[in-house]
Each structure stands twice: as structure tokens, then as C-alpha cells.
């Protein structure tokens, strides 16, 4: 069952447990603009990490807050999706 969180520590711990790294979509990452943020899994089969650029957790969470995002994720898998907090519907924490 998927959960939703906005808690930075929960996001980071979940990502790191699955060997995930903070990233931005390469085509939107220009100069001082981080662009669209994602969590990439470079060692995962069928990963699209070539379209992503690794960024710092600070850059990731700055953009995460600026765009009012939440992480929709499955605790025991690598499934995740960035969603707007408005669309998260109050699920999770």
C-alpha cells in the first residue's frame, strides 16, 4: 500500500534504503534553477537515470518545499512518485 509523506527525513531514509539519490530532470536543470526533482535509482534495471542529474539533498529539499511536493511511495519497494501536496489528499504524514 502506498504512503505519502512530506517529512524530509522519511524521504531521505526511504530513498537511501533503496539506493536512491536526489536528482533533477537534466533538461530542466539549468543554471540556478534546479528544475523538476526526482529520486533516481542508478543501479535499478530499466532506470532512466541518463535523463537525470544528481543533485544535493539540500537542493532537492529546497525545490521540494518551493513546489510544495509530497512523496508517494511504497515502503518496501522502489515505487515512488512526486505529487503536489494539494493532490496528496492529506494521506500519510
Protein backbone atom coordinates (compact mmCIF):
# COMPACT_ATOMS: atom_id res chain seq x y z
CA UNK A 1 0.00 0.00 0.00
CA UNK A 2 1.39 3.38 -0.99
CA UNK A 3 2.01 6.07 1.59
CA UNK A 4 2.54 9.81 1.22
CA UNK A 5 4.99 11.96 3.15
CA UNK A 6 6.41 15.46 3.20
CA UNK A 7 8.86 14.67 6.01
CA UNK A 8 12.42 15.22 4.77
CA UNK A 9 13.96 12.56 7.00
CA UNK A 10 11.40 9.95 5.91
CA UNK A 11 12.01 10.77 2.22
CA UNK A 12 15.78 10.58 2.58
CA UNK A 13 15.79 7.40 4.68
CA UNK A 14 13.41 5.63 2.28
CA UNK A 15 15.47 6.69 -0.75
CA UNK A 16 18.80 5.69 0.77
CA UNK A 17 17.39 2.33 1.94
CA UNK A 18 16.67 1.60 -1.76
CA UNK A 19 19.98 3.11 -3.01
CA UNK A 20 18.12 6.17 -4.32
CA UNK A 21 19.76 9.54 -4.87
CA UNK A 22 18.32 13.05 -5.18
CA UNK A 23 18.13 14.15 -8.80
CA UNK A 24 16.74 16.66 -11.24
CA UNK A 25 15.49 16.08 -14.77
CA UNK A 26 18.52 17.03 -16.89
CA UNK A 27 16.52 19.00 -19.47
CA UNK A 28 15.01 21.23 -16.73
CA UNK A 29 18.21 21.66 -14.67
CA UNK A 30 19.69 24.94 -15.88
CA UNK A 31 21.94 27.39 -14.07
CA UNK A 32 20.47 28.31 -10.71
CA UNK A 33 17.17 26.54 -11.45
CA UNK A 34 17.08 23.00 -10.09
CA UNK A 35 14.09 22.11 -12.27
CA UNK A 36 11.94 19.03 -11.82
CA UNK A 37 13.11 16.85 -8.93
CA UNK A 38 13.05 13.07 -8.79
CA UNK A 39 14.68 10.27 -6.86
CA UNK A 40 16.90 8.22 -9.13
CA UNK A 41 17.94 4.61 -8.71
CA UNK A 42 21.09 4.30 -10.84
CA UNK A 43 21.54 0.56 -10.22
CA UNK A 44 17.94 -0.41 -10.98
CA UNK A 45 17.15 -2.25 -14.21
CA UNK A 46 15.27 -0.04 -16.69
CA UNK A 47 16.30 3.06 -14.76
CA UNK A 48 16.04 6.29 -16.71
CA UNK A 49 18.94 7.85 -14.82
CA UNK A 50 20.58 9.04 -18.07
CA UNK A 51 17.82 11.68 -18.23
CA UNK A 52 18.62 12.78 -14.65
CA UNK A 53 21.45 14.66 -12.96
CA UNK A 54 22.35 14.01 -9.33
CA UNK A 55 21.88 16.99 -7.01
CA UNK A 56 22.44 17.51 -3.29
CA UNK A 57 19.78 16.71 -0.72
CA UNK A 58 19.72 20.43 0.17
CA UNK A 59 18.93 21.37 -3.44
CA UNK A 60 16.35 18.60 -3.63
CA UNK A 61 14.53 19.65 -0.47
CA UNK A 62 14.68 23.37 -1.34
CA UNK A 63 12.83 22.59 -4.57
CA UNK A 64 10.57 20.04 -2.80
CA UNK A 65 9.37 22.81 -0.46
CA UNK A 66 9.28 25.55 -3.09
CA UNK A 67 6.96 23.45 -5.26
CA UNK A 68 5.00 22.08 -2.27
CA UNK A 69 5.63 18.46 -3.21
CA UNK A 70 4.97 15.21 -1.38
CA UNK A 71 6.45 11.77 -2.00
CA UNK A 72 4.01 8.98 -2.82
CA UNK A 73 5.93 5.75 -2.18
CA UNK A 74 5.70 2.11 -1.24
CA UNK A 75 7.82 1.46 1.87
CA UNK A 76 9.04 -1.96 0.74
CA UNK A 77 9.68 -1.25 -2.94
CA UNK A 78 11.35 1.36 -5.16
CA UNK A 79 7.99 2.70 -6.36
CA UNK A 80 7.77 6.44 -5.87
CA UNK A 81 6.21 9.47 -7.45
CA UNK A 82 6.39 13.18 -6.69
CA UNK A 83 2.91 14.63 -6.26
CA UNK A 84 1.62 18.03 -5.25
CA UNK A 85 0.67 18.30 -1.61
CA UNK A 86 -2.71 19.57 -2.73
CA UNK A 87 -3.30 16.33 -4.68
CA UNK A 88 -1.89 14.14 -1.91
CA UNK A 89 -5.25 14.46 -0.19
CA UNK A 90 -3.92 14.51 3.33
CA UNK A 91 -2.64 10.92 3.16
CA UNK A 92 0.40 9.96 5.15
CA UNK A 93 2.41 12.40 7.27
